Structure formats: structure tokens, C-alpha cells
Amino acid sequence: MSTASATDTDDRAQEQPSPTGPGRRRRSGRVRGVAVASTAVLAVAAGVAAAVGYGGNDGGTATASVLPPATAQVTRQTLVDAETADGELGYGETRTAVARTPGTVTWLADTGDRVGRGKPLYAVDNHKTVLLYGSLPAYRTLRPGLTGADVEQFEKNLAKLGYDGFTVDDEYTSATADVVEEWQDDLGLEQTGRVELGQVVYASGEVRVESHEATVGDAVQPGAGVLGYTRTARVVTVLLDVDDQRLAKRDAEVTITLPDGKDVAGKITGTETVIETGSGANAEPETKIEVTVAADDPKQLAGFDRASVEVAFTAEERTDVLTVPVAALLALAEGGYGVEVVDGTSTRIVAVQTGLFASGRVEISGDGLAEGATVGMPK
């Protein structure tokens, strides 16, 4: 569903809107605006198409002087494929830190707390689980003799925390084990020189504790959720239909409208395909495009912790182009599309090349077409 911004939208008075037939399906209530015209709309001309021919590149073929039931003007304007969608201002996706060993929860970071590299998130049986930075989750106990990307990721964190005396690489050596013992001593952990499962959780950066999945005193088993966490920067999350994937271009500029009506400039920082399972016995999974948007100036979001917002996307913009209503297009018998140009009491068919479709209009080009020309509109 698209809306168009035009530098010249003054269609002549004689232009009469006409049904455009089936277009792309409506969104599920999340997006508002004027429906984007699609090639399916061109079916409105199918009844005319069978009788329409085009006789070459001489600017059109004259037809009988039967004037169309309605007309419209060829206009020169800026055509914009834009769309506004509902979004949620918050902290993005919530992830869950799970227990890796059985035991009793003895401590939890408070909800709302920000936890950085090397700081504890929770404790099971008084053994702290600390946050480190990285994209690879902890999946095995690290000990001398092992090699791999997980070893290098862990050693990079040790170095960032100020520990030295070892080489940061993908080998877990005896020197690494010595430093690990020092690190464990600083955390009040048993000094084993090994990094057991459950001692660390990896995230992309500093996190904010969003929720508690367990309470102090709960017995937990491996895989049980302990707490939920998010990123610390506020972002806007928008769910788009797959049909609107053209809007989800990383680094594309958007406009965020806050609940108080203030507009904030932003940019798409990430996109991801997600599956919504829906609710109810007969609900079917639905594929969506999850778009993450960040404000150019995060300070402009001050005062809003969580809120519903609107996000204006622009998929494409074409400046200074000739346009006609989509309903003016005729499907030519020999292929392609044309328009019926009205010259006084006669008409002629002119083949056109189509460009951007938006707000019920379409960009066109063709021999002999000019701004202000009159074209027929099928009844």
C-alpha cells in the first residue's frame, strides 16, 4: 500500500476515477495508505486489449472517432513509492539466558540493569555466570589442548578485560589456563583453569535485563530460562508483509512519528525473516519481514521507554517523470502496453514503456507523449 508525493498533482477536472480491478492484497491492519498499483491492475484493460493494435513507431495509429467515456491528463511530477507502517519503540528482540547446569538460582541482576563485558548476569549454586561479547555461543568446556573460533573469541574477551601473559589466537594453551585461573579468582570462582559451560554467556554488546524467567530459590535444569535481556539502545521494530520486502533496504532513510506527533529521522539497521505462528487452533504460520530502525539522534526518543509509533518508508522515488492513471493503460494485442491519446475528435494508440507504479499512477514514456496530453480512460 503506497502513497505518492507529487510536485505536480493537479489532474484536470475532466479526469474521472475508474475501478482499477484487483490489486495487491490488503495488509493485515498494520499498514495504512493508498494501495500500490501493480501489474495485476492492468487487467482492467483486457477487454479493450483484444481489439487494440499498434502500427509501428510513428507516434501512434489513428482509430475511429469514437471518443472514450472519460479522459485524464498526462502530468509531469515526482512519483514516490512510499508506505507508512505501525512500529513498536522499545529495545528490540528479547533473548533468554538459560541455565547450563542443574542447581538453585542464588542471584539475579535486577530488571532494568545494564550489564557489560565481564559482569555477572545471574548465579546458580553461587557460581556466577558472566557476560562476554561475541557472536558464537558457548557450546563446550574450554580447556588446554583445544583449538577453534570459540577459543579465540574467549581469549579476545580476556584481553579486553585487561588480562595478559598469553597470546590471543585459536589455541587454548597452558598460558591461557593460567590467566583463566586469575580471572576465576577475581570472580570468586573455583580456580580450575577451564571455562565450564554455564560460566559465560555471549551477546553482541552490553545488555539490559528485561525480565526474570526464574526467581531466587528456584531449582533449574539445563535449558531452563533464567532471565531475558535486550540490547541497551532503543530501536523501532516493524513487521512487514513479504509483499513489502522492497521497503526493507538496509541503511535506507525513514521517518519515525512519535506518539506526540514529533517526526524523528531514522535509518534501517537490520532486517530479518521471521515466522509468526499466530494464535488459535486453526491459525497458520505467516512469514513476515522484521525491520529494525534506529533514530539518527537517539536523544530525540527521550521520554519514551516503550510506545507505538509510525514509520514512513520510501522504496523508490522518480523525479520529473510523465505519469497517467494506471487505469489509462491498455494491454496491446502484440504485447506491452499503450495509452489512447485523444486529439480533438479522434484518438490514436501510442505504445508506452512503464516505470514506477505508485498512488494509482504509473510512470510512462513513449514517442509523441508530452505533459498535458489527453488520454482515454476505459469505463
Foldseek 3Di string as FASTA:
>chain_A
DFAWDKPDDDKDPQADDDDQPDADDDDPPFWDDFDFHDPVSQCLQVVVAVVFAFDDAPFFDWDPLDAFPTKIFWAWIKTFGKIKGKKKKAQDDKDFDWAAAWAFWAFADDAQDKAWQLAFGTDGVNQTEHEHADDDWDDFKAAAPFFDPVQLRVVVSLVVVPFDQDDRHRGLHVSQLVSQLVSCVVVVHHNDSMHGPRNYGYDNTIKGFHFAQDDGGDIHHTPRTGTIIGHDAIKIKGKAAPVPVLQQDFQAKKWKQFPVRDIFIKTWHDKDWDWDQDDDPPGHIGIIIITIIDTPDSVVCPPDNMDMIMMMTTNDMDHGFIKDFSQQWHAHPVGAIWWWWDDPSITTTWGWDWDGTHPRMIGIDGPPDDGGTMTHGHD
